Amino acid sequence: MSFKQESCVDHAIRLCGGNASALARLAGCSPQAPAYWKRTGVIPANRVPDLAKKLKTSRAKLNPIFARD
């Protein structure tokens, strides 16, 4: 059996109770932004440090460029 790995954006949305609009409010951006992030697969690096603190998760789980930290 194969499991699909959760994307960075899906992880953040799940931490917001499954609500992309809640993620947008938390990030201080438009409600359309999480849909765009979902298409690209990552949250923009400039938003990651603040969101990681607010969501109490690691930066690497929100954007893979932080995996080497």
C-alpha atoms as a PDB file:
ATOM      1  CA  MET A   1       0.000   0.000   0.000  1.00  0.00           C
ATOM      2  CA  SER A   2       1.299   3.435  -0.919  1.00  0.00           C
ATOM      3  CA  PHE A   3       0.533   6.647   0.925  1.00  0.00           C
ATOM      4  CA  LYS A   4       0.799  10.061  -0.657  1.00  0.00           C
ATOM      5  CA  GLN A   5       2.986  12.383   1.371  1.00  0.00           C
ATOM      6  CA  GLU A   6       1.217  15.474   2.652  1.00  0.00           C
ATOM      7  CA  SER A   7       2.341  18.663   0.896  1.00  0.00           C
ATOM      8  CA  CYS A   8       3.702  21.610   2.827  1.00  0.00           C
ATOM      9  CA  VAL A   9       0.565  23.602   2.130  1.00  0.00           C
ATOM     10  CA  ASP A  10      -1.763  20.735   3.071  1.00  0.00           C
ATOM     11  CA  HIS A  11       0.149  20.423   6.361  1.00  0.00           C
ATOM     12  CA  ALA A  12      -0.421  24.114   7.135  1.00  0.00           C
ATOM     13  CA  ILE A  13      -4.090  23.913   6.161  1.00  0.00           C
ATOM     14  CA  ARG A  14      -4.554  20.847   8.373  1.00  0.00           C
ATOM     15  CA  LEU A  15      -3.005  22.759  11.288  1.00  0.00           C
ATOM     16  CA  CYS A  16      -5.591  25.497  10.652  1.00  0.00           C
ATOM     17  CA  GLY A  17      -8.413  23.027  11.116  1.00  0.00           C
ATOM     18  CA  GLY A  18      -8.616  22.181   7.425  1.00  0.00           C
ATOM     19  CA  ASN A  19      -9.585  25.727   6.538  1.00  0.00           C
ATOM     20  CA  ALA A  20      -7.542  27.483   3.830  1.00  0.00           C
ATOM     21  CA  SER A  21      -9.211  30.813   4.653  1.00  0.00           C
ATOM     22  CA  ALA A  22      -7.981  30.507   8.238  1.00  0.00           C
ATOM     23  CA  LEU A  23      -4.460  29.967   6.905  1.00  0.00           C
ATOM     24  CA  ALA A  24      -4.796  33.088   4.754  1.00  0.00           C
ATOM     25  CA  ARG A  25      -5.942  35.150   7.744  1.00  0.00           C
ATOM     26  CA  LEU A  26      -3.077  33.818   9.851  1.00  0.00           C
ATOM     27  CA  ALA A  27      -0.588  34.629   7.085  1.00  0.00           C
ATOM     28  CA  GLY A  28      -2.096  38.072   6.506  1.00  0.00           C
ATOM     29  CA  CYS A  29      -2.721  37.488   2.829  1.00  0.00           C
ATOM     30  CA  SER A  30      -5.631  37.158   0.426  1.00  0.00           C
ATOM     31  CA  PRO A  31      -7.945  34.135   0.642  1.00  0.00           C
ATOM     32  CA  GLN A  32      -6.758  33.156  -2.854  1.00  0.00           C
ATOM     33  CA  ALA A  33      -3.113  32.853  -1.793  1.00  0.00           C
ATOM     34  CA  PRO A  34      -3.366  29.374  -0.199  1.00  0.00           C
ATOM     35  CA  ALA A  35      -4.962  28.058  -3.415  1.00  0.00           C
ATOM     36  CA  TYR A  36      -1.974  29.393  -5.346  1.00  0.00           C
ATOM     37  CA  TRP A  37       0.440  27.909  -2.811  1.00  0.00           C
ATOM     38  CA  LYS A  38      -1.341  24.588  -3.158  1.00  0.00           C
ATOM     39  CA  ARG A  39      -0.787  24.666  -6.940  1.00  0.00           C
ATOM     40  CA  THR A  40       2.909  25.489  -6.521  1.00  0.00           C
ATOM     41  CA  GLY A  41       3.324  23.062  -3.613  1.00  0.00           C
ATOM     42  CA  VAL A  42       5.056  25.412  -1.179  1.00  0.00           C
ATOM     43  CA  ILE A  43       4.436  28.392   1.022  1.00  0.00           C
ATOM     44  CA  PRO A  44       6.629  31.385   0.029  1.00  0.00           C
ATOM     45  CA  ALA A  45       9.844  31.495   2.043  1.00  0.00           C
ATOM     46  CA  ASN A  46       9.182  35.030   3.306  1.00  0.00           C
ATOM     47  CA  ARG A  47       5.969  33.854   5.030  1.00  0.00           C
ATOM     48  CA  VAL A  48       7.381  30.668   6.547  1.00  0.00           C
ATOM     49  CA  PRO A  49       9.154  31.898   9.747  1.00  0.00           C
ATOM     50  CA  ASP A  50       6.098  33.760  11.037  1.00  0.00           C
ATOM     51  CA  LEU A  51       3.666  30.985  10.075  1.00  0.00           C
ATOM     52  CA  ALA A  52       5.879  28.313  11.652  1.00  0.00           C
ATOM     53  CA  LYS A  53       5.745  30.174  14.969  1.00  0.00           C
ATOM     54  CA  LYS A  54       2.005  30.744  14.786  1.00  0.00           C
ATOM     55  CA  LEU A  55       1.284  27.128  13.776  1.00  0.00           C
ATOM     56  CA  LYS A  56       3.876  25.702  16.205  1.00  0.00           C
ATOM     57  CA  THR A  57       5.524  23.606  13.501  1.00  0.00           C
ATOM     58  CA  SER A  58       8.966  23.490  11.913  1.00  0.00           C
ATOM     59  CA  ARG A  59       9.887  25.748   9.030  1.00  0.00           C
ATOM     60  CA  ALA A  60      10.993  22.683   7.033  1.00  0.00           C
ATOM     61  CA  LYS A  61       7.453  21.315   7.120  1.00  0.00           C
ATOM     62  CA  LEU A  62       6.184  24.515   5.481  1.00  0.00           C
ATOM     63  CA  ASN A  63       8.862  24.904   2.805  1.00  0.00           C
ATOM     64  CA  PRO A  64      11.604  22.391   1.880  1.00  0.00           C
ATOM     65  CA  ILE A  65      14.294  25.059   1.491  1.00  0.00           C
ATOM     66  CA  PHE A  66      14.399  25.225   5.291  1.00  0.00           C
ATOM     67  CA  ALA A  67      15.170  21.499   5.609  1.00  0.00           C
ATOM     68  CA  ARG A  68      18.885  22.170   5.849  1.00  0.00           C
ATOM     69  CA  ASP A  69      18.500  24.463   8.900  1.00  0.00           C
END
